[in-house]
Amino acid sequence: MNEEIKPNAIYTTGETETLLKVSNSTIKRLLKGGILRANKVGKQYRILGKEVLRLVSPEVEKKAINSYLNLKKKAVSKISKW
């Protein structure tokens, strides 16, 4: 199923799993970590399409890579002092 992510549509966690092709545990981890923002309605989450698009955008990937490289640099710096 190749579905277009609509920015103003509201998705359930199940629909978001399908759109992103990830597991339920991955969605839960993204929500808990604040990486994927959502609103809770009763006991269920509702995710705005803009949030899904933001998650898969190149800018988010660049930020993740930069964070990893900075962390790696700090780790190498600490280890080299030993």
N, C-alpha and C. Protein backbone atom coordinates (compact mmCIF):
# COMPACT_ATOMS: atom_id res chain seq x y z
N MET A 1 0.85 -1.18 0.00
CA MET A 1 0.00 0.00 0.00
C MET A 1 0.89 1.24 0.00
N ASN A 2 0.80 2.05 -1.03
CA ASN A 2 1.57 3.27 -1.16
C ASN A 2 0.65 4.44 -0.96
N GLU A 3 0.55 4.90 0.27
CA GLU A 3 -0.37 5.97 0.59
C GLU A 3 0.40 7.26 0.82
N GLU A 4 -0.14 8.35 0.31
CA GLU A 4 0.47 9.65 0.50
C GLU A 4 0.13 10.15 1.91
N ILE A 5 1.10 10.73 2.58
CA ILE A 5 0.88 11.29 3.91
C ILE A 5 0.34 12.70 3.73
N LYS A 6 -0.86 12.92 4.23
CA LYS A 6 -1.50 14.22 4.10
C LYS A 6 -1.19 15.05 5.33
N PRO A 7 -0.63 16.26 5.17
CA PRO A 7 -0.20 17.09 6.29
C PRO A 7 -1.30 17.39 7.32
N ASN A 8 -2.52 17.60 6.88
CA ASN A 8 -3.59 17.98 7.80
C ASN A 8 -4.47 16.82 8.24
N ALA A 9 -4.12 15.61 7.81
CA ALA A 9 -4.89 14.43 8.22
C ALA A 9 -4.47 14.02 9.63
N ILE A 10 -5.37 13.34 10.31
CA ILE A 10 -5.09 12.84 11.66
C ILE A 10 -5.02 11.32 11.58
N TYR A 11 -3.92 10.77 12.08
CA TYR A 11 -3.68 9.33 11.99
C TYR A 11 -3.65 8.68 13.37
N THR A 12 -4.06 7.42 13.41
CA THR A 12 -3.93 6.62 14.64
C THR A 12 -2.51 6.06 14.66
N THR A 13 -2.14 5.43 15.76
CA THR A 13 -0.81 4.81 15.82
C THR A 13 -0.71 3.66 14.81
N GLY A 14 -1.79 2.93 14.63
CA GLY A 14 -1.79 1.84 13.65
C GLY A 14 -1.59 2.33 12.23
N GLU A 15 -2.26 3.42 11.89
CA GLU A 15 -2.10 3.99 10.55
C GLU A 15 -0.68 4.53 10.37
N THR A 16 -0.15 5.13 11.42
CA THR A 16 1.22 5.67 11.36
C THR A 16 2.23 4.55 11.19
N GLU A 17 2.01 3.43 11.87
CA GLU A 17 2.88 2.26 11.70
C GLU A 17 2.92 1.84 10.24
N THR A 18 1.75 1.79 9.62
CA THR A 18 1.65 1.38 8.21
C THR A 18 2.35 2.38 7.31
N LEU A 19 2.12 3.67 7.56
CA LEU A 19 2.74 4.71 6.72
C LEU A 19 4.26 4.67 6.81
N LEU A 20 4.78 4.50 8.02
CA LEU A 20 6.23 4.51 8.22
C LEU A 20 6.87 3.14 8.06
N LYS A 21 6.03 2.10 7.98
CA LYS A 21 6.50 0.71 7.86
C LYS A 21 7.40 0.34 9.04
N VAL A 22 6.90 0.63 10.25
CA VAL A 22 7.62 0.29 11.47
C VAL A 22 6.68 -0.49 12.40
N SER A 23 7.25 -1.07 13.44
CA SER A 23 6.45 -1.86 14.38
C SER A 23 5.76 -0.98 15.41
N ASN A 24 4.83 -1.59 16.13
CA ASN A 24 4.11 -0.90 17.19
C ASN A 24 5.07 -0.44 18.28
N SER A 25 6.06 -1.27 18.61
CA SER A 25 7.02 -0.90 19.65
C SER A 25 7.87 0.30 19.23
N THR A 26 8.16 0.41 17.94
CA THR A 26 8.91 1.56 17.45
C THR A 26 8.09 2.83 17.58
N ILE A 27 6.81 2.76 17.24
CA ILE A 27 5.92 3.92 17.38
C ILE A 27 5.85 4.34 18.84
N LYS A 28 5.71 3.37 19.73
CA LYS A 28 5.65 3.68 21.17
C LYS A 28 6.94 4.36 21.63
N ARG A 29 8.06 3.86 21.16
CA ARG A 29 9.36 4.43 21.54
C ARG A 29 9.49 5.86 21.01
N LEU A 30 9.04 6.10 19.78
CA LEU A 30 9.09 7.44 19.20
C LEU A 30 8.20 8.41 19.98
N LEU A 31 7.03 7.94 20.39
CA LEU A 31 6.11 8.78 21.16
C LEU A 31 6.67 9.06 22.55
N LYS A 32 7.16 8.02 23.21
CA LYS A 32 7.69 8.17 24.57
C LYS A 32 8.91 9.08 24.60
N GLY A 33 9.73 8.99 23.57
CA GLY A 33 10.94 9.82 23.50
C GLY A 33 10.69 11.23 23.02
N GLY A 34 9.45 11.52 22.63
CA GLY A 34 9.13 12.86 22.15
C GLY A 34 9.61 13.13 20.74
N ILE A 35 10.06 12.10 20.06
CA ILE A 35 10.53 12.25 18.68
C ILE A 35 9.34 12.44 17.75
N LEU A 36 8.27 11.74 18.04
CA LEU A 36 7.02 11.87 17.30
C LEU A 36 5.99 12.47 18.26
N ARG A 37 5.52 13.66 17.94
CA ARG A 37 4.57 14.33 18.82
C ARG A 37 3.15 13.93 18.44
N ALA A 38 2.32 13.79 19.47
CA ALA A 38 0.93 13.37 19.26
C ALA A 38 0.06 13.92 20.38
N ASN A 39 -1.23 13.88 20.16
CA ASN A 39 -2.21 14.24 21.18
C ASN A 39 -2.90 12.98 21.64
N LYS A 40 -3.15 12.91 22.93
CA LYS A 40 -3.81 11.74 23.47
C LYS A 40 -5.30 12.04 23.58
N VAL A 41 -6.11 11.18 22.99
CA VAL A 41 -7.56 11.30 23.06
C VAL A 41 -8.05 10.05 23.78
N GLY A 42 -8.50 10.23 25.02
CA GLY A 42 -8.84 9.07 25.83
C GLY A 42 -7.58 8.29 26.12
N LYS A 43 -7.56 7.04 25.71
CA LYS A 43 -6.36 6.21 25.91
C LYS A 43 -5.58 6.01 24.63
N GLN A 44 -5.97 6.71 23.57
CA GLN A 44 -5.33 6.52 22.27
C GLN A 44 -4.64 7.80 21.82
N TYR A 45 -3.60 7.63 21.02
CA TYR A 45 -2.88 8.76 20.45
C TYR A 45 -3.42 9.09 19.07
N ARG A 46 -3.39 10.38 18.75
CA ARG A 46 -3.72 10.86 17.41
C ARG A 46 -2.53 11.67 16.93
N ILE A 47 -2.08 11.37 15.73
CA ILE A 47 -0.86 11.97 15.20
C ILE A 47 -1.20 12.76 13.94
N LEU A 48 -0.80 14.01 13.93
CA LEU A 48 -1.05 14.88 12.78
C LEU A 48 -0.09 14.51 11.66
N GLY A 49 -0.57 14.52 10.44
CA GLY A 49 0.24 14.17 9.28
C GLY A 49 1.51 14.99 9.18
N LYS A 50 1.45 16.26 9.60
CA LYS A 50 2.63 17.13 9.57
C LYS A 50 3.75 16.55 10.43
N GLU A 51 3.36 15.92 11.55
CA GLU A 51 4.36 15.31 12.43
C GLU A 51 5.03 14.11 11.78
N VAL A 52 4.26 13.33 11.06
CA VAL A 52 4.82 12.17 10.36
C VAL A 52 5.78 12.65 9.28
N LEU A 53 5.37 13.68 8.54
CA LEU A 53 6.23 14.23 7.49
C LEU A 53 7.50 14.83 8.08
N ARG A 54 7.38 15.50 9.22
CA ARG A 54 8.55 16.09 9.88
C ARG A 54 9.54 15.00 10.28
N LEU A 55 9.01 13.89 10.73
CA LEU A 55 9.85 12.78 11.18
C LEU A 55 10.69 12.20 10.04
N VAL A 56 10.13 12.14 8.86
CA VAL A 56 10.85 11.53 7.73
C VAL A 56 11.56 12.55 6.85
N SER A 57 11.59 13.81 7.29
CA SER A 57 12.22 14.85 6.49
C SER A 57 13.75 14.77 6.59
N PRO A 58 14.44 15.24 5.59
CA PRO A 58 15.91 15.21 5.60
C PRO A 58 16.50 16.04 6.74
N GLU A 59 15.81 17.11 7.17
CA GLU A 59 16.33 17.95 8.25
C GLU A 59 16.47 17.15 9.55
N VAL A 60 15.48 16.32 9.84
CA VAL A 60 15.53 15.52 11.06
C VAL A 60 16.70 14.53 10.97
N GLU A 61 16.90 13.95 9.81
CA GLU A 61 18.01 13.01 9.63
C GLU A 61 19.35 13.72 9.83
N LYS A 62 19.47 14.94 9.30
CA LYS A 62 20.71 15.70 9.47
C LYS A 62 20.97 15.99 10.94
N LYS A 63 19.92 16.37 11.67
CA LYS A 63 20.07 16.65 13.10
C LYS A 63 20.53 15.40 13.85
N ALA A 64 19.95 14.25 13.50
CA ALA A 64 20.31 12.99 14.15
C ALA A 64 21.77 12.65 13.87
N ILE A 65 22.20 12.83 12.65
CA ILE A 65 23.60 12.53 12.27
C ILE A 65 24.54 13.46 13.02
N ASN A 66 24.20 14.76 13.07
CA ASN A 66 25.05 15.72 13.77
C ASN A 66 25.13 15.40 15.26
N SER A 67 24.00 15.03 15.86
CA SER A 67 24.01 14.66 17.28
C SER A 67 24.90 13.46 17.52
N TYR A 68 24.80 12.46 16.66
CA TYR A 68 25.62 11.27 16.79
C TYR A 68 27.11 11.61 16.65
N LEU A 69 27.45 12.43 15.66
CA LEU A 69 28.86 12.78 15.45
C LEU A 69 29.42 13.58 16.62
N ASN A 70 28.62 14.48 17.18
CA ASN A 70 29.07 15.25 18.35
C ASN A 70 29.29 14.33 19.55
N LEU A 71 28.38 13.41 19.76
CA LEU A 71 28.51 12.46 20.86
C LEU A 71 29.75 11.58 20.66
N LYS A 72 29.96 11.14 19.43
CA LYS A 72 31.12 10.30 19.13
C LYS A 72 32.41 11.07 19.39
N LYS A 73 32.44 12.34 18.99
CA LYS A 73 33.62 13.17 19.19
C LYS A 73 33.93 13.32 20.69
N LYS A 74 32.88 13.53 21.50
CA LYS A 74 33.08 13.66 22.95
C LYS A 74 33.58 12.34 23.54
N ALA A 75 33.03 11.23 23.09
CA ALA A 75 33.45 9.92 23.60
C ALA A 75 34.90 9.64 23.25
N VAL A 76 35.30 9.94 22.03
CA VAL A 76 36.68 9.71 21.59
C VAL A 76 37.61 10.61 22.39
N SER A 77 37.20 11.84 22.63
CA SER A 77 38.01 12.78 23.41
C SER A 77 38.23 12.27 24.83
N LYS A 78 37.18 11.76 25.47
CA LYS A 78 37.28 11.24 26.84
C LYS A 78 38.18 10.00 26.88
N ILE A 79 37.96 9.11 25.91
CA ILE A 79 38.71 7.86 25.90
C ILE A 79 40.20 8.11 25.63
N SER A 80 40.50 9.06 24.77
CA SER A 80 41.91 9.32 24.43
C SER A 80 42.69 9.88 25.62
N LYS A 81 41.99 10.46 26.60
CA LYS A 81 42.64 10.99 27.81
C LYS A 81 43.03 9.88 28.78
N TRP A 82 42.50 8.70 28.62
CA TRP A 82 42.82 7.58 29.50
C TRP A 82 44.21 7.18 29.23
